[in-house]
């Protein structure tokens, strides 16, 4: 996903709404830095959703192409999900 200049932060939302299966989200910045793998309990709640903000005060938002990878950490069969990134 391309991020232009003047973006204050990114809102990332991976939602599968199912606590039986578990997905993981990995993020790579344009400069190649890897941000954690994020798990369902990242926000302190196991709810079938990973929501996070990437804030420039943390030094993460940079201009260029970001890569987002969704992995089935523990999935029985297949798992549908929605994935959105909002530039603010």
C-alpha atoms as a PDB file:
ATOM      1  CA  UNK A   1       0.000   0.000   0.000  1.00  0.00           C
ATOM      2  CA  UNK A   2       1.413   3.397  -0.957  1.00  0.00           C
ATOM      3  CA  UNK A   3       1.648   6.130   1.661  1.00  0.00           C
ATOM      4  CA  UNK A   4       2.227   9.697   0.516  1.00  0.00           C
ATOM      5  CA  UNK A   5       3.644  12.661   2.351  1.00  0.00           C
ATOM      6  CA  UNK A   6       1.699  14.515   5.019  1.00  0.00           C
ATOM      7  CA  UNK A   7       0.071  11.413   6.573  1.00  0.00           C
ATOM      8  CA  UNK A   8      -0.205  11.834  10.354  1.00  0.00           C
ATOM      9  CA  UNK A   9      -0.857   8.177  11.183  1.00  0.00           C
ATOM     10  CA  UNK A  10      -2.228   4.899   9.841  1.00  0.00           C
ATOM     11  CA  UNK A  11      -5.189   3.014  11.299  1.00  0.00           C
ATOM     12  CA  UNK A  12      -4.923  -0.722  10.626  1.00  0.00           C
ATOM     13  CA  UNK A  13      -7.932  -3.012  11.093  1.00  0.00           C
ATOM     14  CA  UNK A  14      -7.900  -6.786  10.522  1.00  0.00           C
ATOM     15  CA  UNK A  15     -11.249  -8.328  11.459  1.00  0.00           C
ATOM     16  CA  UNK A  16     -12.288 -11.969  11.215  1.00  0.00           C
ATOM     17  CA  UNK A  17     -14.755 -11.865  14.131  1.00  0.00           C
ATOM     18  CA  UNK A  18     -14.074 -15.439  15.219  1.00  0.00           C
ATOM     19  CA  UNK A  19     -12.242 -16.292  18.429  1.00  0.00           C
ATOM     20  CA  UNK A  20     -11.950 -19.986  17.516  1.00  0.00           C
ATOM     21  CA  UNK A  21      -9.454 -19.306  14.709  1.00  0.00           C
ATOM     22  CA  UNK A  22      -6.393 -17.107  15.125  1.00  0.00           C
ATOM     23  CA  UNK A  23      -4.777 -14.826  12.546  1.00  0.00           C
ATOM     24  CA  UNK A  24      -1.506 -12.908  12.761  1.00  0.00           C
ATOM     25  CA  UNK A  25      -0.568  -9.643  11.040  1.00  0.00           C
ATOM     26  CA  UNK A  26       2.992  -8.704  10.045  1.00  0.00           C
ATOM     27  CA  UNK A  27       3.917  -5.274   8.704  1.00  0.00           C
ATOM     28  CA  UNK A  28       6.973  -4.088   6.765  1.00  0.00           C
ATOM     29  CA  UNK A  29       7.787  -0.390   6.407  1.00  0.00           C
ATOM     30  CA  UNK A  30       9.046   1.132   3.143  1.00  0.00           C
ATOM     31  CA  UNK A  31      12.619   1.100   4.510  1.00  0.00           C
ATOM     32  CA  UNK A  32      12.346  -2.634   5.286  1.00  0.00           C
ATOM     33  CA  UNK A  33      11.810  -2.497   9.055  1.00  0.00           C
ATOM     34  CA  UNK A  34       9.580  -5.278  10.382  1.00  0.00           C
ATOM     35  CA  UNK A  35       6.911  -4.396  12.932  1.00  0.00           C
ATOM     36  CA  UNK A  36       6.053  -7.186  15.398  1.00  0.00           C
ATOM     37  CA  UNK A  37       3.840  -9.917  14.377  1.00  0.00           C
ATOM     38  CA  UNK A  38       0.547  -8.720  15.858  1.00  0.00           C
ATOM     39  CA  UNK A  39      -1.811 -11.264  17.405  1.00  0.00           C
ATOM     40  CA  UNK A  40      -5.481 -11.149  18.407  1.00  0.00           C
ATOM     41  CA  UNK A  41      -4.634 -10.240  21.999  1.00  0.00           C
ATOM     42  CA  UNK A  42      -2.463  -7.232  20.975  1.00  0.00           C
ATOM     43  CA  UNK A  43      -5.093  -4.808  22.324  1.00  0.00           C
ATOM     44  CA  UNK A  44      -5.683  -6.867  25.473  1.00  0.00           C
ATOM     45  CA  UNK A  45      -8.843  -8.492  24.130  1.00  0.00           C
ATOM     46  CA  UNK A  46      -9.310 -11.796  22.286  1.00  0.00           C
ATOM     47  CA  UNK A  47     -12.149 -10.907  19.912  1.00  0.00           C
ATOM     48  CA  UNK A  48     -11.156 -11.964  16.389  1.00  0.00           C
ATOM     49  CA  UNK A  49      -9.785  -8.530  15.542  1.00  0.00           C
ATOM     50  CA  UNK A  50      -6.440  -6.755  15.393  1.00  0.00           C
ATOM     51  CA  UNK A  51      -6.690  -2.960  15.472  1.00  0.00           C
ATOM     52  CA  UNK A  52      -3.718  -0.668  15.819  1.00  0.00           C
ATOM     53  CA  UNK A  53      -2.501   2.816  14.999  1.00  0.00           C
ATOM     54  CA  UNK A  54       0.901   3.452  13.507  1.00  0.00           C
ATOM     55  CA  UNK A  55       1.771   6.893  14.797  1.00  0.00           C
ATOM     56  CA  UNK A  56       4.662   9.069  13.545  1.00  0.00           C
ATOM     57  CA  UNK A  57       5.617   9.887  17.148  1.00  0.00           C
ATOM     58  CA  UNK A  58       6.730   6.241  17.292  1.00  0.00           C
ATOM     59  CA  UNK A  59       8.860   6.753  14.185  1.00  0.00           C
ATOM     60  CA  UNK A  60       6.900   4.248  12.070  1.00  0.00           C
ATOM     61  CA  UNK A  61       4.939   6.222   9.461  1.00  0.00           C
ATOM     62  CA  UNK A  62       7.085   6.904   6.436  1.00  0.00           C
ATOM     63  CA  UNK A  63       6.363   7.663   2.820  1.00  0.00           C
ATOM     64  CA  UNK A  64       6.503   4.763   0.354  1.00  0.00           C
ATOM     65  CA  UNK A  65       5.122   1.246  -0.044  1.00  0.00           C
ATOM     66  CA  UNK A  66       4.041  -0.585   3.099  1.00  0.00           C
ATOM     67  CA  UNK A  67       3.512  -4.364   3.087  1.00  0.00           C
ATOM     68  CA  UNK A  68       0.906  -6.129   5.213  1.00  0.00           C
ATOM     69  CA  UNK A  69       0.812  -9.925   5.515  1.00  0.00           C
ATOM     70  CA  UNK A  70      -1.989 -11.916   7.134  1.00  0.00           C
ATOM     71  CA  UNK A  71      -1.174 -15.418   8.367  1.00  0.00           C
ATOM     72  CA  UNK A  72      -3.423 -18.182   9.637  1.00  0.00           C
ATOM     73  CA  UNK A  73      -1.766 -18.856  12.984  1.00  0.00           C
ATOM     74  CA  UNK A  74      -4.353 -21.449  13.997  1.00  0.00           C
ATOM     75  CA  UNK A  75      -7.156 -21.963  11.483  1.00  0.00           C
ATOM     76  CA  UNK A  76      -9.476 -24.914  10.983  1.00  0.00           C
ATOM     77  CA  UNK A  77     -10.299 -24.967   7.261  1.00  0.00           C
ATOM     78  CA  UNK A  78     -10.420 -21.413   5.927  1.00  0.00           C
ATOM     79  CA  UNK A  79     -11.147 -18.052   7.538  1.00  0.00           C
ATOM     80  CA  UNK A  80     -12.736 -15.017   5.889  1.00  0.00           C
ATOM     81  CA  UNK A  81     -11.592 -11.598   7.032  1.00  0.00           C
ATOM     82  CA  UNK A  82     -11.724  -7.913   6.197  1.00  0.00           C
ATOM     83  CA  UNK A  83      -8.608  -5.782   6.138  1.00  0.00           C
ATOM     84  CA  UNK A  84      -8.472  -1.994   5.952  1.00  0.00           C
ATOM     85  CA  UNK A  85      -5.776   0.629   6.336  1.00  0.00           C
ATOM     86  CA  UNK A  86      -6.871   4.230   6.747  1.00  0.00           C
ATOM     87  CA  UNK A  87      -4.455   7.094   6.153  1.00  0.00           C
ATOM     88  CA  UNK A  88      -5.130  10.041   8.466  1.00  0.00           C
END
